Amino acid sequence: MLPPELPPLPALTRAEGELIDRYLEVVDLLARINPARGGSTYGGLRAAQALVSKSAELRDALTLMHQRGENELHHETLTRALRVLDGERRARLVAVPPPPPS
């Protein structure tokens, strides 16, 4: 049996695709650094070091969009893209987890 097919990505400009990719990379790194999720200090350090360059790439993607005249983020389209790329789950890993049931 084949796994369910993911919905297709919405049509994005190249710059919007770059924005989504860089944003999710930063989110993934922040999740690795999240002290509430445990892990090693070395892993967190490596993620923090990578965060510097990935943040610059995210900035560059937004700069390029602005320079090309893409002055507004089409949040509905970008939200659909984030959902297809598992952005909700990935972003939850950045947050403080809920307390255990008492």
Protein backbone atom coordinates (compact mmCIF):
# COMPACT_ATOMS: atom_id res chain seq x y z
CA MET A 1 0.00 0.00 0.00
CA LEU A 2 1.34 3.41 -0.95
CA PRO A 3 1.42 6.29 1.56
CA PRO A 4 -1.17 9.02 1.00
CA GLU A 5 -0.14 11.54 -1.60
CA LEU A 6 0.70 14.99 -0.29
CA PRO A 7 -1.22 17.92 -1.72
CA PRO A 8 0.74 19.84 -4.31
CA LEU A 9 2.64 22.95 -3.34
CA PRO A 10 0.85 26.13 -4.37
CA ALA A 11 2.37 28.16 -7.17
CA LEU A 12 5.14 30.28 -5.67
CA THR A 13 7.56 32.73 -7.18
CA ARG A 14 11.18 31.62 -6.99
CA ALA A 15 11.75 34.21 -4.24
CA GLU A 16 8.73 32.96 -2.25
CA GLY A 17 10.03 29.41 -2.51
CA GLU A 18 13.41 30.58 -1.28
CA LEU A 19 11.74 32.42 1.62
CA ILE A 20 9.80 29.32 2.67
CA ASP A 21 12.87 27.08 2.43
CA ARG A 22 15.10 29.44 4.42
CA TYR A 23 12.37 30.07 7.03
CA LEU A 24 11.91 26.35 7.65
CA GLU A 25 15.67 25.85 7.94
CA VAL A 26 15.78 28.53 10.65
CA VAL A 27 12.78 26.96 12.42
CA ASP A 28 14.47 23.55 12.37
CA LEU A 29 17.65 25.00 13.86
CA LEU A 30 15.72 26.85 16.58
CA ALA A 31 14.00 23.58 17.44
CA ARG A 32 17.39 21.91 17.87
CA ILE A 33 18.47 24.72 20.22
CA ASN A 34 15.26 24.70 22.29
CA PRO A 35 16.39 23.95 25.86
CA ALA A 36 12.91 22.73 26.81
CA ARG A 37 13.32 19.82 24.40
CA GLY A 38 16.56 18.50 25.85
CA GLY A 39 19.48 17.35 23.78
CA SER A 40 23.18 17.96 24.04
CA THR A 41 24.94 21.28 24.44
CA TYR A 42 27.17 20.37 21.51
CA GLY A 43 24.18 19.80 19.24
CA GLY A 44 22.67 23.09 20.38
CA LEU A 45 25.97 24.86 19.80
CA ARG A 46 26.26 23.46 16.27
CA ALA A 47 22.67 24.52 15.52
CA ALA A 48 23.32 28.01 16.92
CA GLN A 49 26.42 28.35 14.76
CA ALA A 50 24.46 27.31 11.66
CA LEU A 51 21.64 29.67 12.62
CA VAL A 52 23.88 32.67 11.90
CA SER A 53 24.34 31.80 8.23
CA LYS A 54 20.78 30.52 7.75
CA SER A 55 19.38 33.74 9.25
CA ALA A 56 21.49 35.72 6.77
CA GLU A 57 20.10 33.58 3.94
CA LEU A 58 16.56 34.26 5.18
CA ARG A 59 17.33 37.98 5.27
CA ASP A 60 18.72 37.78 1.74
CA ALA A 61 15.58 36.02 0.47
CA LEU A 62 13.40 38.77 1.92
CA THR A 63 15.72 41.47 0.56
CA LEU A 64 15.51 39.96 -2.91
CA MET A 65 11.72 39.86 -2.74
CA HIS A 66 11.62 43.51 -1.72
CA GLN A 67 14.06 44.54 -4.46
CA ARG A 68 11.95 42.73 -7.06
CA GLY A 69 8.88 44.65 -5.98
CA GLU A 70 7.34 41.76 -4.06
CA ASN A 71 6.43 44.06 -1.19
CA GLU A 72 3.64 41.98 0.33
CA LEU A 73 3.69 38.45 1.64
CA HIS A 74 0.70 36.51 0.31
CA HIS A 75 0.06 34.81 3.62
CA GLU A 76 -2.69 32.46 2.44
CA THR A 77 -0.49 30.98 -0.30
CA LEU A 78 2.58 30.87 1.94
CA THR A 79 0.55 29.25 4.73
CA ARG A 80 -0.57 26.50 2.34
CA ALA A 81 3.04 25.93 1.32
CA LEU A 82 4.14 25.73 4.96
CA ARG A 83 1.42 23.19 5.71
CA VAL A 84 2.43 20.98 2.76
CA LEU A 85 6.04 21.12 4.00
CA ASP A 86 5.06 20.12 7.56
CA GLY A 87 5.65 23.63 8.88
CA GLU A 88 3.11 23.35 11.68
CA ARG A 89 4.80 20.35 13.28
CA ARG A 90 8.25 21.83 12.75
CA ALA A 91 7.25 25.16 14.32
CA ARG A 92 5.71 23.40 17.35
CA LEU A 93 9.18 22.05 18.17
CA VAL A 94 10.34 25.64 18.77
CA ALA A 95 7.69 26.26 21.43
CA VAL A 96 7.82 25.19 25.06
CA PRO A 97 6.05 21.83 25.28
CA PRO A 98 2.82 21.66 27.30
CA PRO A 99 3.12 20.53 30.91
CA PRO A 100 2.64 16.81 31.57
CA PRO A 101 -0.83 15.80 32.75
CA SER A 102 -1.13 15.85 36.50
